[in-house]
C-alpha atoms as a PDB file:
ATOM      1  CA  MET A   1      -0.689 -35.921  68.106  1.00  0.00           C
ATOM      2  CA  THR A   2      -2.739 -37.717  70.806  1.00  0.00           C
ATOM      3  CA  PHE A   3      -4.668 -40.787  70.335  1.00  0.00           C
ATOM      4  CA  LEU A   4      -8.015 -38.772  70.661  1.00  0.00           C
ATOM      5  CA  SER A   5      -6.912 -36.374  67.910  1.00  0.00           C
ATOM      6  CA  ILE A   6      -6.134 -39.166  65.705  1.00  0.00           C
ATOM      7  CA  PHE A   7      -9.522 -40.897  66.331  1.00  0.00           C
ATOM      8  CA  LEU A   8     -11.469 -37.665  65.660  1.00  0.00           C
ATOM      9  CA  PHE A   9      -9.619 -37.178  62.513  1.00  0.00           C
ATOM     10  CA  VAL A  10     -10.423 -40.624  61.223  1.00  0.00           C
ATOM     11  CA  ILE A  11     -14.115 -40.146  62.206  1.00  0.00           C
ATOM     12  CA  LEU A  12     -14.442 -36.968  60.258  1.00  0.00           C
ATOM     13  CA  PHE A  13     -12.582 -38.354  57.329  1.00  0.00           C
ATOM     14  CA  PHE A  14     -15.083 -41.143  56.911  1.00  0.00           C
ATOM     15  CA  PHE A  15     -17.965 -38.896  57.526  1.00  0.00           C
ATOM     16  CA  GLY A  16     -16.787 -36.562  54.958  1.00  0.00           C
ATOM     17  CA  CYS A  17     -16.296 -39.159  52.245  1.00  0.00           C
ATOM     18  CA  GLU A  18     -19.603 -40.710  52.936  1.00  0.00           C
ATOM     19  CA  LYS A  19     -21.314 -37.264  52.608  1.00  0.00           C
ATOM     20  CA  ASN A  20     -19.521 -36.695  49.160  1.00  0.00           C
ATOM     21  CA  THR A  21     -20.036 -40.058  47.893  1.00  0.00           C
ATOM     22  CA  PRO A  22     -22.526 -40.046  44.946  1.00  0.00           C
ATOM     23  CA  ARG A  23     -25.567 -41.982  45.232  1.00  0.00           C
ATOM     24  CA  VAL A  24     -24.995 -44.577  42.382  1.00  0.00           C
ATOM     25  CA  TYR A  25     -26.717 -47.840  42.026  1.00  0.00           C
ATOM     26  CA  GLN A  26     -26.289 -50.601  39.592  1.00  0.00           C
ATOM     27  CA  GLY A  27     -28.883 -51.324  36.847  1.00  0.00           C
ATOM     28  CA  TYR A  28     -29.397 -52.618  33.417  1.00  0.00           C
ATOM     29  CA  ALA A  29     -31.439 -51.600  30.217  1.00  0.00           C
ATOM     30  CA  GLU A  30     -34.491 -53.435  29.321  1.00  0.00           C
ATOM     31  CA  GLY A  31     -36.672 -53.416  26.242  1.00  0.00           C
ATOM     32  CA  GLU A  32     -40.407 -53.685  25.967  1.00  0.00           C
ATOM     33  CA  PHE A  33     -40.784 -55.454  22.703  1.00  0.00           C
ATOM     34  CA  VAL A  34     -43.697 -55.060  20.352  1.00  0.00           C
ATOM     35  CA  ASN A  35     -44.506 -58.418  18.725  1.00  0.00           C
ATOM     36  CA  ILE A  36     -45.821 -58.177  15.220  1.00  0.00           C
ATOM     37  CA  SER A  37     -48.137 -60.817  14.066  1.00  0.00           C
ATOM     38  CA  SER A  38     -50.850 -61.585  11.673  1.00  0.00           C
ATOM     39  CA  SER A  39     -54.615 -62.538  12.481  1.00  0.00           C
ATOM     40  CA  GLN A  40     -54.468 -64.568   9.233  1.00  0.00           C
ATOM     41  CA  SER A  41     -52.419 -67.598   8.409  1.00  0.00           C
ATOM     42  CA  GLY A  42     -50.482 -68.233   5.223  1.00  0.00           C
ATOM     43  CA  ARG A  43     -47.003 -68.638   3.561  1.00  0.00           C
ATOM     44  CA  LEU A  44     -44.660 -65.786   4.126  1.00  0.00           C
ATOM     45  CA  ASP A  45     -44.164 -64.489   0.619  1.00  0.00           C
ATOM     46  CA  LYS A  46     -41.970 -61.490   1.602  1.00  0.00           C
ATOM     47  CA  LEU A  47     -40.026 -60.161   4.507  1.00  0.00           C
ATOM     48  CA  PHE A  48     -39.164 -56.471   3.982  1.00  0.00           C
ATOM     49  CA  VAL A  49     -36.891 -56.058   7.060  1.00  0.00           C
ATOM     50  CA  ARG A  50     -33.822 -57.746   8.638  1.00  0.00           C
ATOM     51  CA  ARG A  51     -32.821 -57.941  12.240  1.00  0.00           C
ATOM     52  CA  GLY A  52     -30.976 -54.752  13.202  1.00  0.00           C
ATOM     53  CA  ASP A  53     -32.911 -52.612  10.667  1.00  0.00           C
ATOM     54  CA  ASN A  54     -34.455 -49.311  11.886  1.00  0.00           C
ATOM     55  CA  VAL A  55     -37.952 -48.775  10.237  1.00  0.00           C
ATOM     56  CA  LYS A  56     -40.009 -45.718  10.235  1.00  0.00           C
ATOM     57  CA  TYR A  57     -43.730 -45.139  10.421  1.00  0.00           C
ATOM     58  CA  GLY A  58     -45.524 -46.631   7.485  1.00  0.00           C
ATOM     59  CA  SER A  59     -42.670 -48.908   6.333  1.00  0.00           C
ATOM     60  CA  ASN A  60     -43.621 -52.355   4.996  1.00  0.00           C
ATOM     61  CA  LEU A  61     -42.939 -55.260   7.385  1.00  0.00           C
ATOM     62  CA  PHE A  62     -44.092 -58.390   5.746  1.00  0.00           C
ATOM     63  CA  ALA A  63     -46.611 -59.905   3.213  1.00  0.00           C
ATOM     64  CA  LEU A  64     -48.234 -63.327   3.480  1.00  0.00           C
ATOM     65  CA  GLU A  65     -49.927 -64.979   0.554  1.00  0.00           C
ATOM     66  CA  CYS A  66     -53.172 -63.386  -0.332  1.00  0.00           C
ATOM     67  CA  ASP A  67     -54.673 -64.764  -3.529  1.00  0.00           C
ATOM     68  CA  ASN A  68     -57.656 -66.165  -1.868  1.00  0.00           C
ATOM     69  CA  GLU A  69     -58.216 -62.840   0.005  1.00  0.00           C
ATOM     70  CA  ILE A  70     -58.048 -60.964  -3.219  1.00  0.00           C
ATOM     71  CA  LEU A  71     -60.571 -63.271  -4.911  1.00  0.00           C
ATOM     72  CA  ALA A  72     -62.870 -62.980  -1.929  1.00  0.00           C
ATOM     73  CA  LEU A  73     -62.672 -59.054  -2.082  1.00  0.00           C
ATOM     74  CA  GLN A  74     -63.305 -59.068  -5.761  1.00  0.00           C
ATOM     75  CA  GLN A  75     -66.391 -61.327  -5.192  1.00  0.00           C
ATOM     76  CA  ALA A  76     -67.816 -59.130  -2.487  1.00  0.00           C
ATOM     77  CA  SER A  77     -67.243 -55.910  -4.504  1.00  0.00           C
ATOM     78  CA  SER A  78     -69.162 -57.256  -7.445  1.00  0.00           C
ATOM     79  CA  ALA A  79     -71.968 -58.479  -5.339  1.00  0.00           C
ATOM     80  CA  LEU A  80     -72.135 -54.934  -3.777  1.00  0.00           C
ATOM     81  CA  THR A  81     -71.984 -53.364  -7.090  1.00  0.00           C
ATOM     82  CA  ALA A  82     -75.072 -55.543  -8.281  1.00  0.00           C
ATOM     83  CA  ALA A  83     -76.999 -54.776  -5.249  1.00  0.00           C
ATOM     84  CA  GLN A  84     -76.508 -51.066  -5.466  1.00  0.00           C
ATOM     85  CA  SER A  85     -77.630 -51.008  -8.943  1.00  0.00           C
ATOM     86  CA  THR A  86     -80.766 -52.987  -8.192  1.00  0.00           C
ATOM     87  CA  LEU A  87     -81.477 -50.400  -5.450  1.00  0.00           C
ATOM     88  CA  ASN A  88     -80.855 -47.445  -7.731  1.00  0.00           C
ATOM     89  CA  ASP A  89     -83.235 -48.923 -10.219  1.00  0.00           C
ATOM     90  CA  ALA A  90     -85.944 -49.517  -7.658  1.00  0.00           C
ATOM     91  CA  ASN A  91     -85.870 -45.929  -6.690  1.00  0.00           C
ATOM     92  CA  LYS A  92     -86.197 -44.681 -10.276  1.00  0.00           C
ATOM     93  CA  GLY A  93     -89.398 -46.413 -11.303  1.00  0.00           C
ATOM     94  CA  ALA A  94     -90.032 -47.564 -14.936  1.00  0.00           C
ATOM     95  CA  ARG A  95     -87.466 -46.991 -17.656  1.00  0.00           C
ATOM     96  CA  LEU A  96     -87.813 -43.763 -19.848  1.00  0.00           C
ATOM     97  CA  GLU A  97     -88.678 -45.711 -22.909  1.00  0.00           C
ATOM     98  CA  GLU A  98     -91.655 -47.309 -21.122  1.00  0.00           C
ATOM     99  CA  ILE A  99     -92.804 -43.915 -19.833  1.00  0.00           C
ATOM    100  CA  LYS A 100     -92.644 -42.432 -23.418  1.00  0.00           C
ATOM    101  CA  VAL A 101     -94.768 -45.367 -24.775  1.00  0.00           C
ATOM    102  CA  ILE A 102     -97.328 -44.738 -22.124  1.00  0.00           C
ATOM    103  CA  GLU A 103     -97.342 -40.997 -22.818  1.00  0.00           C
ATOM    104  CA  ALA A 104     -97.819 -41.639 -26.540  1.00  0.00           C
ATOM    105  CA  GLN A 105    -100.830 -43.890 -25.825  1.00  0.00           C
ATOM    106  CA  LEU A 106    -102.230 -41.175 -23.505  1.00  0.00           C
ATOM    107  CA  SER A 107    -102.058 -38.541 -26.212  1.00  0.00           C
ATOM    108  CA  GLN A 108    -103.820 -40.882 -28.707  1.00  0.00           C
ATOM    109  CA  ALA A 109    -106.503 -41.600 -25.880  1.00  0.00           C
ATOM    110  CA  VAL A 110    -107.044 -37.881 -25.184  1.00  0.00           C
ATOM    111  CA  ALA A 111    -107.532 -37.118 -28.946  1.00  0.00           C
ATOM    112  CA  ASN A 112    -109.977 -40.006 -29.365  1.00  0.00           C
ATOM    113  CA  SER A 113    -111.826 -38.737 -26.129  1.00  0.00           C
ATOM    114  CA  GLU A 114    -112.125 -35.203 -27.384  1.00  0.00           C
ATOM    115  CA  ASN A 115    -113.392 -36.416 -30.678  1.00  0.00           C
ATOM    116  CA  ALA A 116    -115.875 -38.518 -28.995  1.00  0.00           C
ATOM    117  CA  GLN A 117    -117.046 -35.766 -26.808  1.00  0.00           C
ATOM    118  CA  LEU A 118    -117.533 -33.479 -29.907  1.00  0.00           C
ATOM    119  CA  GLN A 119    -119.573 -36.047 -31.531  1.00  0.00           C
ATOM    120  CA  LEU A 120    -121.549 -36.563 -28.412  1.00  0.00           C
ATOM    121  CA  ASN A 121    -122.292 -32.756 -28.322  1.00  0.00           C
ATOM    122  CA  ARG A 122    -123.517 -32.770 -32.013  1.00  0.00           C
ATOM    123  CA  ASN A 123    -125.694 -35.929 -31.387  1.00  0.00           C
ATOM    124  CA  THR A 124    -127.186 -34.349 -28.320  1.00  0.00           C
ATOM    125  CA  GLN A 125    -128.413 -31.368 -30.484  1.00  0.00           C
ATOM    126  CA  LEU A 126    -129.868 -33.727 -33.008  1.00  0.00           C
ATOM    127  CA  TYR A 127    -131.551 -35.886 -30.434  1.00  0.00           C
ATOM    128  CA  ASN A 128    -132.990 -32.861 -28.801  1.00  0.00           C
ATOM    129  CA  ALA A 129    -134.411 -31.902 -32.203  1.00  0.00           C
ATOM    130  CA  ASN A 130    -135.890 -35.325 -32.735  1.00  0.00           C
ATOM    131  CA  ALA A 131    -133.382 -35.789 -35.649  1.00  0.00           C
ATOM    132  CA  LEU A 132    -131.487 -38.648 -34.165  1.00  0.00           C
ATOM    133  CA  SER A 133    -132.834 -42.075 -32.767  1.00  0.00           C
ATOM    134  CA  LYS A 134    -132.390 -42.967 -29.002  1.00  0.00           C
ATOM    135  CA  THR A 135    -130.181 -45.978 -30.112  1.00  0.00           C
ATOM    136  CA  ASP A 136    -127.569 -43.781 -32.019  1.00  0.00           C
ATOM    137  CA  PHE A 137    -127.709 -41.087 -29.052  1.00  0.00           C
ATOM    138  CA  ASP A 138    -126.963 -43.918 -26.491  1.00  0.00           C
ATOM    139  CA  THR A 139    -124.201 -45.328 -28.587  1.00  0.00           C
ATOM    140  CA  SER A 140    -122.465 -41.944 -28.853  1.00  0.00           C
ATOM    141  CA  THR A 141    -122.784 -41.288 -25.088  1.00  0.00           C
ATOM    142  CA  ALA A 142    -121.305 -44.759 -24.348  1.00  0.00           C
ATOM    143  CA  HIS A 143    -118.362 -44.120 -26.768  1.00  0.00           C
ATOM    144  CA  ALA A 144    -117.583 -40.771 -25.168  1.00  0.00           C
ATOM    145  CA  GLN A 145    -117.585 -42.259 -21.822  1.00  0.00           C
ATOM    146  CA  SER A 146    -115.362 -45.228 -22.869  1.00  0.00           C
ATOM    147  CA  THR A 147    -112.733 -42.894 -24.419  1.00  0.00           C
ATOM    148  CA  GLN A 148    -112.707 -40.742 -21.247  1.00  0.00           C
ATOM    149  CA  GLY A 149    -112.262 -43.779 -19.134  1.00  0.00           C
ATOM    150  CA  LYS A 150    -109.325 -44.952 -21.335  1.00  0.00           C
ATOM    151  CA  VAL A 151    -107.744 -41.478 -20.825  1.00  0.00           C
ATOM    152  CA  ASN A 152    -108.071 -41.882 -17.074  1.00  0.00           C
ATOM    153  CA  GLU A 153    -106.587 -45.421 -17.097  1.00  0.00           C
ATOM    154  CA  LEU A 154    -103.477 -44.142 -19.050  1.00  0.00           C
ATOM    155  CA  ARG A 155    -102.894 -41.245 -16.818  1.00  0.00           C
ATOM    156  CA  ASP A 156    -102.876 -43.461 -13.699  1.00  0.00           C
ATOM    157  CA  SER A 157    -100.574 -45.857 -15.488  1.00  0.00           C
ATOM    158  CA  LEU A 158     -98.145 -43.096 -16.289  1.00  0.00           C
ATOM    159  CA  GLN A 159     -98.318 -41.932 -12.644  1.00  0.00           C
ATOM    160  CA  VAL A 160     -97.516 -45.496 -11.366  1.00  0.00           C
ATOM    161  CA  ALA A 161     -94.808 -45.762 -13.879  1.00  0.00           C
ATOM    162  CA  LYS A 162     -92.987 -42.650 -12.551  1.00  0.00           C
ATOM    163  CA  LEU A 163     -93.115 -44.151  -8.940  1.00  0.00           C
ATOM    164  CA  SER A 164     -90.383 -46.236  -7.445  1.00  0.00           C
ATOM    165  CA  LYS A 165     -91.104 -49.639  -5.999  1.00  0.00           C
ATOM    166  CA  ARG A 166     -93.003 -50.432  -2.893  1.00  0.00           C
ATOM    167  CA  PRO A 167     -91.151 -49.112   0.274  1.00  0.00           C
ATOM    168  CA  ASP A 168     -90.877 -52.685   1.675  1.00  0.00           C
ATOM    169  CA  GLN A 169     -88.929 -53.810  -1.369  1.00  0.00           C
ATOM    170  CA  ILE A 170     -86.656 -50.789  -1.142  1.00  0.00           C
ATOM    171  CA  LYS A 171     -86.024 -51.312   2.580  1.00  0.00           C
ATOM    172  CA  ALA A 172     -85.175 -54.951   1.929  1.00  0.00           C
ATOM    173  CA  GLN A 173     -82.774 -53.899  -1.000  1.00  0.00           C
ATOM    174  CA  GLU A 174     -81.147 -51.322   1.263  1.00  0.00           C
ATOM    175  CA  ALA A 175     -80.584 -53.990   3.852  1.00  0.00           C
ATOM    176  CA  GLN A 176     -78.953 -56.229   1.200  1.00  0.00           C
ATOM    177  CA  VAL A 177     -76.559 -53.253   0.243  1.00  0.00           C
ATOM    178  CA  LYS A 178     -75.566 -52.804   3.874  1.00  0.00           C
ATOM    179  CA  GLN A 179     -74.945 -56.508   4.413  1.00  0.00           C
ATOM    180  CA  LEU A 180     -72.686 -56.633   1.282  1.00  0.00           C
ATOM    181  CA  THR A 181     -70.907 -53.418   2.264  1.00  0.00           C
ATOM    182  CA  ALA A 182     -69.869 -55.072   5.437  1.00  0.00           C
ATOM    183  CA  SER A 183     -68.706 -58.049   3.529  1.00  0.00           C
ATOM    184  CA  VAL A 184     -66.489 -55.854   1.458  1.00  0.00           C
ATOM    185  CA  ALA A 185     -65.067 -54.219   4.622  1.00  0.00           C
ATOM    186  CA  GLN A 186     -64.411 -57.740   6.183  1.00  0.00           C
ATOM    187  CA  ALA A 187     -62.721 -59.016   2.990  1.00  0.00           C
ATOM    188  CA  GLN A 188     -60.629 -55.825   2.787  1.00  0.00           C
ATOM    189  CA  TRP A 189     -59.522 -56.141   6.461  1.00  0.00           C
ATOM    190  CA  LYS A 190     -58.514 -59.718   5.815  1.00  0.00           C
ATOM    191  CA  LEU A 191     -56.479 -58.750   2.891  1.00  0.00           C
ATOM    192  CA  ASN A 192     -54.816 -55.816   4.882  1.00  0.00           C
ATOM    193  CA  GLU A 193     -53.913 -58.353   7.610  1.00  0.00           C
ATOM    194  CA  LYS A 194     -51.917 -60.273   5.092  1.00  0.00           C
ATOM    195  CA  GLY A 195     -49.262 -57.397   4.861  1.00  0.00           C
ATOM    196  CA  LEU A 196     -48.664 -55.178   7.815  1.00  0.00           C
ATOM    197  CA  LYS A 197     -46.855 -51.841   8.165  1.00  0.00           C
ATOM    198  CA  ALA A 198     -44.873 -50.208  10.987  1.00  0.00           C
ATOM    199  CA  HIS A 199     -46.963 -48.079  13.385  1.00  0.00           C
ATOM    200  CA  GLY A 200     -44.070 -45.983  14.295  1.00  0.00           C
ATOM    201  CA  ASN A 201     -40.235 -45.740  14.260  1.00  0.00           C
ATOM    202  CA  ALA A 202     -38.564 -48.745  15.783  1.00  0.00           C
ATOM    203  CA  LEU A 203     -35.643 -51.244  15.815  1.00  0.00           C
ATOM    204  CA  VAL A 204     -36.167 -54.648  14.271  1.00  0.00           C
ATOM    205  CA  PHE A 205     -34.989 -56.541  17.263  1.00  0.00           C
ATOM    206  CA  ASP A 206     -35.546 -60.038  15.630  1.00  0.00           C
ATOM    207  CA  THR A 207     -37.344 -61.918  12.857  1.00  0.00           C
ATOM    208  CA  LEU A 208     -38.657 -65.339  13.634  1.00  0.00           C
ATOM    209  CA  TYR A 209     -39.778 -66.642  10.142  1.00  0.00           C
ATOM    210  CA  ARG A 210     -38.013 -66.939   6.705  1.00  0.00           C
ATOM    211  CA  GLU A 211     -39.550 -66.368   3.452  1.00  0.00           C
ATOM    212  CA  GLY A 212     -41.424 -69.355   2.231  1.00  0.00           C
ATOM    213  CA  GLU A 213     -42.308 -70.716   5.732  1.00  0.00           C
ATOM    214  CA  PHE A 214     -45.998 -71.105   6.858  1.00  0.00           C
ATOM    215  CA  VAL A 215     -47.142 -68.749   9.572  1.00  0.00           C
ATOM    216  CA  PRO A 216     -50.001 -69.830  11.747  1.00  0.00           C
ATOM    217  CA  ILE A 217     -52.670 -67.507  13.097  1.00  0.00           C
ATOM    218  CA  GLY A 218     -51.138 -65.232  15.700  1.00  0.00           C
ATOM    219  CA  GLY A 219     -47.482 -66.342  14.909  1.00  0.00           C
ATOM    220  CA  ILE A 220     -44.964 -63.681  15.834  1.00  0.00           C
ATOM    221  CA  ILE A 221     -43.081 -62.718  12.738  1.00  0.00           C
ATOM    222  CA  ILE A 222     -41.195 -59.680  13.856  1.00  0.00           C
ATOM    223  CA  ARG A 223     -40.257 -58.236  17.122  1.00  0.00           C
ATOM    224  CA  LEU A 224     -39.828 -54.442  17.178  1.00  0.00           C
ATOM    225  CA  LEU A 225     -38.228 -52.234  19.847  1.00  0.00           C
ATOM    226  CA  PRO A 226     -39.438 -48.578  19.728  1.00  0.00           C
ATOM    227  CA  PRO A 227     -37.123 -46.258  21.411  1.00  0.00           C
ATOM    228  CA  GLU A 228     -39.730 -45.062  23.836  1.00  0.00           C
ATOM    229  CA  ASN A 229     -40.029 -48.645  25.088  1.00  0.00           C
ATOM    230  CA  ILE A 230     -36.329 -48.729  26.344  1.00  0.00           C
ATOM    231  CA  LYS A 231     -36.125 -48.499  30.061  1.00  0.00           C
ATOM    232  CA  ILE A 232     -33.683 -48.864  33.013  1.00  0.00           C
ATOM    233  CA  ARG A 233     -34.201 -51.143  36.063  1.00  0.00           C
ATOM    234  CA  PHE A 234     -32.098 -50.657  39.086  1.00  0.00           C
ATOM    235  CA  PHE A 235     -32.509 -51.594  42.784  1.00  0.00           C
ATOM    236  CA  VAL A 236     -32.075 -49.311  45.767  1.00  0.00           C
ATOM    237  CA  PRO A 237     -32.313 -49.990  49.643  1.00  0.00           C
ATOM    238  CA  GLN A 238     -35.600 -49.256  51.285  1.00  0.00           C
ATOM    239  CA  LYS A 239     -34.610 -45.911  52.755  1.00  0.00           C
ATOM    240  CA  ILE A 240     -33.693 -44.603  49.321  1.00  0.00           C
ATOM    241  CA  ALA A 241     -36.899 -46.027  47.791  1.00  0.00           C
ATOM    242  CA  GLU A 242     -39.074 -44.271  50.556  1.00  0.00           C
ATOM    243  CA  ASN A 243     -37.634 -40.851  49.399  1.00  0.00           C
ATOM    244  CA  LEU A 244     -38.023 -41.368  45.610  1.00  0.00           C
ATOM    245  CA  ARG A 245     -40.985 -40.085  43.714  1.00  0.00           C
ATOM    246  CA  ILE A 246     -42.514 -40.716  40.188  1.00  0.00           C
ATOM    247  CA  GLU A 247     -41.099 -38.332  37.579  1.00  0.00           C
ATOM    248  CA  GLN A 248     -38.037 -37.614  39.718  1.00  0.00           C
ATOM    249  CA  ASN A 249     -34.898 -36.866  37.535  1.00  0.00           C
ATOM    250  CA  VAL A 250     -31.992 -39.239  37.628  1.00  0.00           C
ATOM    251  CA  THR A 251     -28.767 -39.619  35.569  1.00  0.00           C
ATOM    252  CA  LEU A 252     -27.791 -42.821  33.639  1.00  0.00           C
ATOM    253  CA  VAL A 253     -24.065 -43.604  33.452  1.00  0.00           C
ATOM    254  CA  SER A 254     -23.061 -46.013  30.750  1.00  0.00           C
ATOM    255  CA  ARG A 255     -20.307 -48.572  32.055  1.00  0.00           C
ATOM    256  CA  ALA A 256     -18.789 -48.851  28.613  1.00  0.00           C
ATOM    257  CA  ASP A 257     -17.981 -45.277  27.676  1.00  0.00           C
ATOM    258  CA  GLY A 258     -19.145 -43.349  30.681  1.00  0.00           C
ATOM    259  CA  LYS A 259     -21.714 -41.331  28.798  1.00  0.00           C
ATOM    260  CA  ARG A 260     -24.196 -39.639  31.125  1.00  0.00           C
ATOM    261  CA  LEU A 261     -27.965 -39.452  30.061  1.00  0.00           C
ATOM    262  CA  PRO A 262     -30.850 -37.860  31.797  1.00  0.00           C
ATOM    263  CA  ALA A 263     -33.820 -40.063  32.696  1.00  0.00           C
ATOM    264  CA  HIS A 264     -36.872 -39.881  34.991  1.00  0.00           C
ATOM    265  CA  VAL A 265     -38.518 -42.424  37.383  1.00  0.00           C
ATOM    266  CA  THR A 266     -41.641 -43.952  36.159  1.00  0.00           C
ATOM    267  CA  TYR A 267     -42.189 -46.891  38.551  1.00  0.00           C
ATOM    268  CA  ILE A 268     -41.332 -47.789  42.274  1.00  0.00           C
ATOM    269  CA  SER A 269     -41.963 -51.302  43.132  1.00  0.00           C
ATOM    270  CA  THR A 270     -44.361 -51.655  46.106  1.00  0.00           C
ATOM    271  CA  GLU A 271     -42.812 -55.067  47.150  1.00  0.00           C
ATOM    272  CA  ALA A 272     -39.374 -55.602  48.594  1.00  0.00           C
ATOM    273  CA  GLU A 273     -36.906 -57.882  47.151  1.00  0.00           C
ATOM    274  CA  TYR A 274     -34.067 -59.442  49.060  1.00  0.00           C
ATOM    275  CA  THR A 275     -31.382 -62.157  48.732  1.00  0.00           C
ATOM    276  CA  PRO A 276     -32.754 -65.406  50.455  1.00  0.00           C
ATOM    277  CA  PRO A 277     -32.875 -66.504  52.917  1.00  0.00           C
ATOM    278  CA  ILE A 278     -33.117 -63.934  55.497  1.00  0.00           C
ATOM    279  CA  ILE A 279     -35.659 -63.222  58.344  1.00  0.00           C
ATOM    280  CA  TYR A 280     -36.937 -59.763  58.544  1.00  0.00           C
ATOM    281  CA  SER A 281     -35.793 -57.723  61.481  1.00  0.00           C
ATOM    282  CA  ASN A 282     -34.243 -54.359  62.210  1.00  0.00           C
ATOM    283  CA  GLU A 283     -30.726 -55.970  61.619  1.00  0.00           C
ATOM    284  CA  THR A 284     -31.604 -57.282  58.169  1.00  0.00           C
ATOM    285  CA  LYS A 285     -33.748 -54.353  57.152  1.00  0.00           C
ATOM    286  CA  GLU A 286     -30.948 -52.908  55.084  1.00  0.00           C
ATOM    287  CA  LYS A 287     -30.868 -56.018  52.920  1.00  0.00           C
ATOM    288  CA  LEU A 288     -34.368 -55.341  51.534  1.00  0.00           C
ATOM    289  CA  ILE A 289     -34.212 -53.616  48.165  1.00  0.00           C
ATOM    290  CA  TYR A 290     -36.826 -52.064  45.728  1.00  0.00           C
ATOM    291  CA  MET A 291     -36.926 -52.280  42.160  1.00  0.00           C
ATOM    292  CA  ILE A 292     -37.154 -48.866  40.281  1.00  0.00           C
ATOM    293  CA  GLU A 293     -37.818 -48.236  36.592  1.00  0.00           C
ATOM    294  CA  ALA A 294     -36.779 -45.049  34.841  1.00  0.00           C
ATOM    295  CA  TYR A 295     -37.114 -44.001  31.169  1.00  0.00           C
ATOM    296  CA  PRO A 296     -34.464 -42.007  29.376  1.00  0.00           C
ATOM    297  CA  ASP A 297     -35.475 -39.361  26.702  1.00  0.00           C
ATOM    298  CA  VAL A 298     -36.657 -40.725  23.380  1.00  0.00           C
ATOM    299  CA  LYS A 299     -33.740 -39.170  21.558  1.00  0.00           C
ATOM    300  CA  ASN A 300     -31.214 -40.853  23.880  1.00  0.00           C
ATOM    301  CA  ALA A 301     -32.978 -44.213  24.132  1.00  0.00           C
ATOM    302  CA  PRO A 302     -31.218 -45.730  20.969  1.00  0.00           C
ATOM    303  CA  LEU A 303     -27.901 -45.319  22.791  1.00  0.00           C
ATOM    304  CA  LEU A 304     -28.887 -48.024  25.178  1.00  0.00           C
ATOM    305  CA  HIS A 305     -29.434 -51.687  24.357  1.00  0.00           C
ATOM    306  CA  PRO A 306     -31.447 -54.426  26.353  1.00  0.00           C
ATOM    307  CA  GLY A 307     -29.180 -56.163  28.782  1.00  0.00           C
ATOM    308  CA  GLN A 308     -26.587 -53.304  28.819  1.00  0.00           C
ATOM    309  CA  PRO A 309     -25.330 -52.567  32.355  1.00  0.00           C
ATOM    310  CA  VAL A 310     -25.665 -49.122  33.602  1.00  0.00           C
ATOM    311  CA  GLU A 311     -25.102 -47.012  36.641  1.00  0.00           C
ATOM    312  CA  VAL A 312     -27.894 -44.910  37.911  1.00  0.00           C
ATOM    313  CA  SER A 313     -27.188 -41.792  39.948  1.00  0.00           C
ATOM    314  CA  LEU A 314     -29.993 -40.076  42.006  1.00  0.00           C
ATOM    315  CA  ASP A 315     -28.503 -36.795  41.292  1.00  0.00           C
ATOM    316  CA  PRO A 316     -30.000 -35.103  38.142  1.00  0.00           C
ATOM    317  CA  LEU A 317     -27.712 -34.365  35.289  1.00  0.00           C
END
C-alpha cells in the first residue's frame, strides 16, 4: 500500500467518524422555584408539608396565628349586618303596627265626618225653613268641615307612613353598606393570607421556618418546584446556535442511567459567553458559546433534579 493510499484512508476514516458522531452537548437541570410567603406576619402555628413532599392542587401548606384576624372579621360582619338591617328598615317605611293605628283613627274620623255631614244636611233644611237659628247652622257647618279635615289629615299621615325614608338618607345608608362590605372582604382576605394552599402540583423543595417561629411580612416559608418549572441549560458553539430554533425538539440523556427523554428548545441566548480572557478573532470564534434552554415534557420532568448533569443531543428522540 502506498503512502498516498494510507493518507487517503486516514482522511476518509476521520471524516466518516465526524459525520457519524452525534451532536451531544453537556448541560444540567435547573429549577425555577416558586417562593410561598404570606403578606401578613405572625407566628407559624402549623406547617402541613415537609421537604421532599409532593403536594397537589388545593393542599394546605401552612397556617399562621389568626386570632386577631378572626375577631376583625367578626366585628366587620356584625357592623355590616346592622347597616343592612337599617337600610332594609329605611326602605319599608313605618312598622305595620303603627300603620294599623293610623288606619283605625282614619276609620273613626270617617265615621265622625259622615255623621257630621248628615247632621249638616238636616240643619240646612231646618235653616231654610226658618226652624233653626243662624248660630246653630254655622256651628253645624264648622263641625262638618272640621271632621272632614281630620279625615284628610289622617289619610295623608297613612300615605306618609307607608313611604320609605327620604332618598338622601337611603343613599347614605347604601354607601355605608358598601363601605362595610369592603371592610368584610378586606378582613376575609387578611384571614385567608394567614393560611395558604397550593395552586398546583409541586415538589416541596425546602421549608425555611419551623412551627412556633415568627414569620415577618413577605418571609418565604416554603419553596415549591412545579414539574413544569424544571428546565435544562446547555451550551453550544456559535455555528450550532445559529441553526437552532425555538420549539426545536432535542433529546436529553441522563448521565446516571442513560435514560433518554424528549424536550424542546424554549430559549436561545442572544449574547455569547466564553472562557476569559480571549480577544475575539476568526481564530477564537469557535471558543464562543451560547446558552440554550429546553424544557422536557411535564410527565418526565420529575425524573430530573436541579443540578443533575445531563447530555443534550440535538437529534430528536
